[in-house]
Each structure stands twice: as C-alpha cells, then as structure tokens.
Amino acid sequence: MRDSWRHFVAEFIGTYALVFVGGAAIMIAKDTASPAGLLEIALAHGLILAVMVSALMRISGHFNPAITIGFLAARRIEPMMAGVYIVAQVIGAIVAAYTLKFTFPYTLFEVTRGGGQSLALQVSGPQGFVLEFVATFFLALVVFGTAVDSKAPNIGGLAIGLTLSAGILAIGPLTGGSMNPARSFGPAVASGVYEAQLIYWIAPIAGAVAASLLYEYLFIRRDVEPADHGTLSPAATTDEKSQRKAH
C-alpha cells in the first residue's frame, strides 16, 4: 500500500509540473506574442520533463498515460499499478490546469484553452492522428532506450526531455504536440473544450505501445549475442555454459 502511494504521489507531482509549466509557457508566449514562442514552449516542456524524470525516476517517472500503457503492453508494470499511475497522472493534469485557471488572467486562459492542444485548421483528423502517433512513438522509444534497457546510457531524463522538445518543435503548430493524453485532458476539463480528445488519447497510446513492443521484443536481447555483434546481456559464465551443454 505504501508503495502505491509513493508511486501515486510521484506521478501526480511529475504530471502536475509538466502541465503547469507547459501550459504557463503557452499562455505567456501568447500574451507576449514573442517571435520565439514555439521554441520557448518546446524548451519549457522539455526542461520540466527532463528535471522531473531525473528527480523521480527512482520511484516512477512516466507522467504520461501513453507511456504507462506502453509499459503495460510490454509487461514492464502490473495492471493494478498501471491503474494507479494513470489515475495519478490524470488528476495531476486536471489540478494543474485548474491552478492555471485560477492564477492567470481569465481572458488569456480562455484564448489559449488553458494551454491545451488543438488541431490547426489545415490539419485533418487522420493527419493529426498520424502526427501524434509518430511523435509519441519516438518519445516512447527514447524512454525504453535510455531508462528501461539495462545497457542504456545513464543520462537521466535529458534525452526524454529533449525528445519532447523536438516533437513540439516538429508538430506543435499542427497539433499542439501533445504526445500525452493527460497533458491534453487536464486543460480540456478546466477550459470545457474537448476538441479532438479522441485523437489526443488514442494516437499517443497507439504510438507508445508500438514503440514499447518494438524495443522490448526486438532491441532488448536476453541471450548472448555472437562476438561480432557485441553482447547486450551479461556473458554466460563457464558453469552456465557447462549446464547448457549437459542439456
């Protein structure tokens, strides 16, 4: 029970921080009409995610229902704990969005929908789906490649945060660059505008599941690779080799 609360609180804090900082950056960029608005928004999201993942990855570090469901599909998390994570993420996102609603000017919050995401006028539903799928695929792949794989480089949340920033720079003007169902759902609840929520849920989840399964069952090797490939798992000991020959 205590472990469940630890994970719940960590996921709540991390998702709250992402939605609060990301949403605030979107509203500030809109208010100041800065030419570097997209870069500022991307950096704000990437920096806060990198910091929070680095600070809390010892406990959890998903802060994204799509990533959690990807872990579930790859059997990296138990269904009950995945439920704890997702509930914490959704509640954290909603509370953060309401914090922004109560602290930022009302008109600014309404104009930006609380820092939420929406599809650009020239982007169709299927196009938005593919864009969010691809961006989230990359994000989940980096999560597995830097935080899950036992041979992953020890760089904390830096790579994950940079991937989020890159995704926002690439597709932000078209879909808002969500890559996170909770990130879109929290502001939608606070603003009362639920535009394209099915896309912001289904596309990131599908992208994260695809990347998680790919990395789990193709890239992570659990046997000893040939010498010319480089080992991805500890080399078998002499005793283990003897036992294999005996069988």
Protein backbone atom coordinates (compact mmCIF):
# COMPACT_ATOMS: atom_id res chain seq x y z
CA MET A 1 0.00 0.00 0.00
CA ARG A 2 2.82 2.39 0.90
CA ASP A 3 4.50 1.71 -2.45
CA SER A 4 1.25 2.53 -4.25
CA TRP A 5 1.06 5.90 -2.51
CA ARG A 6 4.71 6.65 -3.29
CA HIS A 7 4.13 5.96 -6.97
CA PHE A 8 0.82 7.85 -6.97
CA VAL A 9 2.33 10.97 -5.42
CA ALA A 10 5.40 10.90 -7.69
CA GLU A 11 3.26 10.55 -10.81
CA PHE A 12 0.90 13.28 -9.59
CA ILE A 13 3.77 15.73 -8.97
CA GLY A 14 5.55 14.99 -12.23
CA THR A 15 2.42 15.33 -14.37
CA TYR A 16 1.29 18.41 -12.44
CA ALA A 17 4.64 20.07 -13.12
CA LEU A 18 4.53 19.21 -16.82
CA VAL A 19 1.01 20.58 -17.32
CA PHE A 20 1.57 23.65 -15.14
CA VAL A 21 4.90 24.70 -16.69
CA GLY A 22 3.90 23.71 -20.23
CA GLY A 23 0.53 25.44 -20.03
CA ALA A 24 2.03 28.56 -18.45
CA ALA A 25 4.64 28.76 -21.21
CA ILE A 26 1.93 28.55 -23.88
CA MET A 27 -0.08 31.33 -22.24
CA ILE A 28 2.96 33.57 -21.72
CA ALA A 29 4.04 33.09 -25.34
CA LYS A 30 0.53 34.01 -26.50
CA ASP A 31 0.39 37.05 -24.22
CA THR A 32 3.76 38.47 -25.29
CA ALA A 33 3.44 37.42 -28.96
CA SER A 34 7.12 36.52 -28.89
CA PRO A 35 8.61 35.50 -32.28
CA ALA A 36 10.44 32.71 -30.44
CA GLY A 37 7.20 31.47 -28.91
CA LEU A 38 7.37 27.93 -30.27
CA LEU A 39 10.98 27.50 -29.12
CA GLU A 40 10.12 28.81 -25.65
CA ILE A 41 7.16 26.44 -25.38
CA ALA A 42 9.21 23.45 -26.54
CA LEU A 43 12.05 24.23 -24.12
CA ALA A 44 9.68 24.73 -21.20
CA HIS A 45 8.07 21.33 -21.76
CA GLY A 46 11.38 19.57 -22.37
CA LEU A 47 13.20 21.12 -19.43
CA ILE A 48 10.50 20.40 -16.86
CA LEU A 49 10.10 16.83 -18.10
CA ALA A 50 13.86 16.24 -18.01
CA VAL A 51 14.12 17.61 -14.49
CA MET A 52 11.11 15.71 -13.13
CA VAL A 53 12.10 12.41 -14.74
CA SER A 54 15.62 12.77 -13.36
CA ALA A 55 14.32 13.63 -9.89
CA LEU A 56 11.64 10.95 -9.65
CA MET A 57 12.68 8.12 -11.97
CA ARG A 58 13.92 6.10 -8.98
CA ILE A 59 10.26 5.88 -7.96
CA SER A 60 8.33 6.15 -11.23
CA GLY A 61 8.89 8.79 -13.92
CA HIS A 62 6.20 8.15 -16.56
CA PHE A 63 3.99 11.26 -16.19
CA ASN A 64 2.11 10.12 -19.29
CA PRO A 65 -0.72 7.57 -19.63
CA ALA A 66 0.55 6.58 -23.08
CA ILE A 67 3.96 5.64 -21.66
CA THR A 68 2.35 3.72 -18.80
CA ILE A 69 0.16 1.76 -21.20
CA GLY A 70 3.23 1.06 -23.32
CA PHE A 71 4.95 -0.36 -20.23
CA LEU A 72 1.83 -2.42 -19.54
CA ALA A 73 1.81 -3.83 -23.07
CA ALA A 74 5.49 -4.77 -22.70
CA ARG A 75 4.75 -6.35 -19.30
CA ARG A 76 7.00 -3.90 -17.51
CA ILE A 77 4.30 -2.90 -15.00
CA GLU A 78 1.44 -4.73 -13.30
CA PRO A 79 -2.11 -3.78 -14.38
CA MET A 80 -3.07 -2.58 -10.88
CA MET A 81 -0.01 -0.35 -10.61
CA ALA A 82 -0.59 0.95 -14.13
CA GLY A 83 -4.06 2.00 -12.99
CA VAL A 84 -2.53 3.85 -10.04
CA TYR A 85 -0.14 5.65 -12.37
CA ILE A 86 -2.84 6.69 -14.85
CA VAL A 87 -5.25 7.93 -12.17
CA ALA A 88 -2.44 9.99 -10.61
CA GLN A 89 -1.44 11.42 -13.99
CA VAL A 90 -4.98 12.44 -14.94
CA ILE A 91 -5.68 14.01 -11.53
CA GLY A 92 -2.32 15.81 -11.58
CA ALA A 93 -3.06 17.23 -15.02
CA ILE A 94 -6.54 18.43 -14.03
CA VAL A 95 -5.36 20.04 -10.79
CA ALA A 96 -2.51 21.79 -12.65
CA ALA A 97 -4.92 23.12 -15.28
CA TYR A 98 -7.24 24.49 -12.61
CA THR A 99 -4.26 26.09 -10.88
CA LEU A 100 -3.50 27.91 -14.11
CA LYS A 101 -7.15 28.89 -14.46
CA PHE A 102 -7.20 30.48 -11.01
CA THR A 103 -3.83 32.23 -11.30
CA PHE A 104 -3.65 33.52 -14.90
CA PRO A 105 -5.83 36.28 -16.38
CA TYR A 106 -9.23 34.84 -17.32
CA THR A 107 -9.16 36.12 -20.92
CA LEU A 108 -5.69 34.69 -21.54
CA PHE A 109 -6.75 31.34 -20.13
CA GLU A 110 -9.84 31.26 -22.33
CA VAL A 111 -7.99 32.26 -25.51
CA THR A 112 -5.35 29.57 -25.03
CA ARG A 113 -7.78 26.98 -23.60
CA GLY A 114 -5.61 26.78 -20.54
CA GLY A 115 -2.53 25.88 -22.52
CA GLY A 116 -4.27 22.90 -24.09
CA GLN A 117 -3.86 21.46 -27.57
CA SER A 118 -5.98 21.69 -30.70
CA LEU A 119 -5.62 20.76 -34.36
CA ALA A 120 -4.70 23.51 -36.79
CA LEU A 121 -7.43 24.39 -39.29
CA GLN A 122 -5.48 22.88 -42.19
CA VAL A 123 -4.91 19.57 -40.37
CA SER A 124 -7.49 16.81 -40.73
CA GLY A 125 -8.30 14.25 -38.06
CA PRO A 126 -6.33 11.42 -39.73
CA GLN A 127 -3.35 13.72 -40.29
CA GLY A 128 -3.40 14.78 -36.64
CA PHE A 129 -3.61 11.13 -35.58
CA VAL A 130 -0.54 10.17 -37.60
CA LEU A 131 1.47 13.17 -36.38
CA GLU A 132 0.73 12.40 -32.71
CA PHE A 133 1.34 8.68 -33.28
CA VAL A 134 4.78 9.24 -34.81
CA ALA A 135 5.92 11.82 -32.26
CA THR A 136 4.82 9.64 -29.33
CA PHE A 137 6.45 6.61 -30.94
CA PHE A 138 9.78 8.46 -30.85
CA LEU A 139 9.20 9.57 -27.27
CA ALA A 140 8.41 6.05 -26.02
CA LEU A 141 11.35 4.61 -27.96
CA VAL A 142 13.69 7.03 -26.22
CA VAL A 143 12.16 6.19 -22.83
CA PHE A 144 12.91 2.50 -23.40
CA GLY A 145 16.31 3.21 -24.91
CA THR A 146 17.51 5.45 -22.08
CA ALA A 147 15.58 4.40 -18.98
CA VAL A 148 14.47 0.78 -19.43
CA ASP A 149 17.24 -1.02 -21.28
CA SER A 150 19.82 -2.28 -18.78
CA LYS A 151 22.56 -1.18 -21.18
CA ALA A 152 21.05 2.28 -21.58
CA PRO A 153 23.30 5.34 -21.21
CA ASN A 154 22.97 6.87 -17.76
CA ILE A 155 21.75 10.32 -18.78
CA GLY A 156 18.70 10.68 -16.55
CA GLY A 157 15.75 12.41 -18.14
CA LEU A 158 17.79 14.59 -20.51
CA ALA A 159 17.16 12.53 -23.64
CA ILE A 160 13.46 12.14 -22.80
CA GLY A 161 13.04 15.88 -22.27
CA LEU A 162 14.90 16.70 -25.47
CA THR A 163 12.69 14.30 -27.42
CA LEU A 164 9.57 16.03 -26.11
CA SER A 165 11.02 19.42 -27.09
CA ALA A 166 11.90 18.12 -30.55
CA GLY A 167 8.40 16.72 -31.00
CA ILE A 168 6.81 20.05 -30.09
CA LEU A 169 9.11 21.91 -32.47
CA ALA A 170 8.17 19.48 -35.24
CA ILE A 171 4.39 19.19 -34.86
CA GLY A 172 3.46 21.85 -32.30
CA PRO A 173 1.99 24.30 -34.84
CA LEU A 174 -0.16 21.49 -36.31
CA THR A 175 -1.46 19.52 -33.33
CA GLY A 176 -0.03 21.31 -30.30
CA GLY A 177 2.49 18.49 -29.85
CA SER A 178 0.71 16.70 -27.04
CA MET A 179 2.20 13.17 -27.06
CA ASN A 180 0.47 12.75 -23.71
CA PRO A 181 -3.27 12.16 -23.12
CA ALA A 182 -3.19 13.66 -19.62
CA ARG A 183 -1.37 16.75 -20.91
CA SER A 184 -4.32 17.43 -23.24
CA PHE A 185 -7.13 16.20 -20.99
CA GLY A 186 -6.34 18.38 -17.95
CA PRO A 187 -6.67 21.72 -19.78
CA ALA A 188 -9.71 20.38 -21.65
CA VAL A 189 -11.51 19.75 -18.35
CA ALA A 190 -10.56 23.15 -16.93
CA SER A 191 -11.50 25.04 -20.11
CA GLY A 192 -14.53 22.94 -21.02
CA VAL A 193 -13.27 22.48 -24.59
CA TYR A 194 -12.80 18.82 -25.55
CA GLU A 195 -11.80 19.23 -29.19
CA ALA A 196 -10.01 16.19 -30.71
CA GLN A 197 -9.71 14.42 -27.36
CA LEU A 198 -10.10 11.01 -29.01
CA ILE A 199 -7.05 11.76 -31.15
CA TYR A 200 -5.06 13.01 -28.15
CA TRP A 201 -5.81 9.77 -26.32
CA ILE A 202 -5.76 7.07 -28.98
CA ALA A 203 -2.84 8.28 -31.14
CA PRO A 204 -0.27 8.68 -28.32
CA ILE A 205 -1.31 5.37 -26.74
CA ALA A 206 -1.00 3.56 -30.08
CA GLY A 207 2.39 5.15 -30.76
CA ALA A 208 3.72 4.35 -27.30
CA VAL A 209 2.51 0.74 -27.42
CA ALA A 210 4.08 0.21 -30.85
CA ALA A 211 7.44 1.62 -29.72
CA SER A 212 7.38 -0.25 -26.40
CA LEU A 213 6.69 -3.61 -28.02
CA LEU A 214 9.28 -2.99 -30.72
CA TYR A 215 12.01 -2.16 -28.22
CA GLU A 216 11.02 -4.85 -25.73
CA TYR A 217 10.89 -7.74 -28.18
CA LEU A 218 13.35 -6.70 -30.89
CA PHE A 219 16.03 -4.45 -29.41
CA ILE A 220 16.37 -5.89 -25.91
CA ARG A 221 18.19 -9.21 -26.20
CA ARG A 222 18.06 -11.70 -23.36
CA ASP A 223 20.57 -14.17 -24.76
CA VAL A 224 24.26 -13.92 -25.53
CA GLU A 225 24.88 -12.34 -28.92
CA PRO A 226 27.63 -13.51 -31.30
CA ALA A 227 31.00 -11.96 -30.52
CA ASP A 228 30.99 -9.80 -33.63
CA HIS A 229 27.64 -8.25 -32.65
CA GLY A 230 28.61 -7.15 -29.15
CA THR A 231 26.83 -8.58 -26.12
CA LEU A 232 23.62 -6.93 -24.96
CA SER A 233 23.32 -9.16 -21.89
CA PRO A 234 25.92 -10.48 -19.43
CA ALA A 235 28.11 -13.14 -20.97
CA ALA A 236 27.39 -16.67 -19.80
CA THR A 237 29.70 -18.00 -17.12
CA THR A 238 31.69 -21.21 -17.53
CA ASP A 239 29.26 -23.03 -15.22
CA GLU A 240 26.27 -21.84 -17.24
CA LYS A 241 27.91 -22.97 -20.49
CA SER A 242 28.57 -26.41 -18.96
CA GLN A 243 24.95 -26.70 -17.87
CA ARG A 244 23.73 -25.80 -21.35
CA LYS A 245 25.96 -28.47 -22.94
CA ALA A 246 24.71 -31.02 -20.42
CA HIS A 247 21.14 -30.36 -21.51
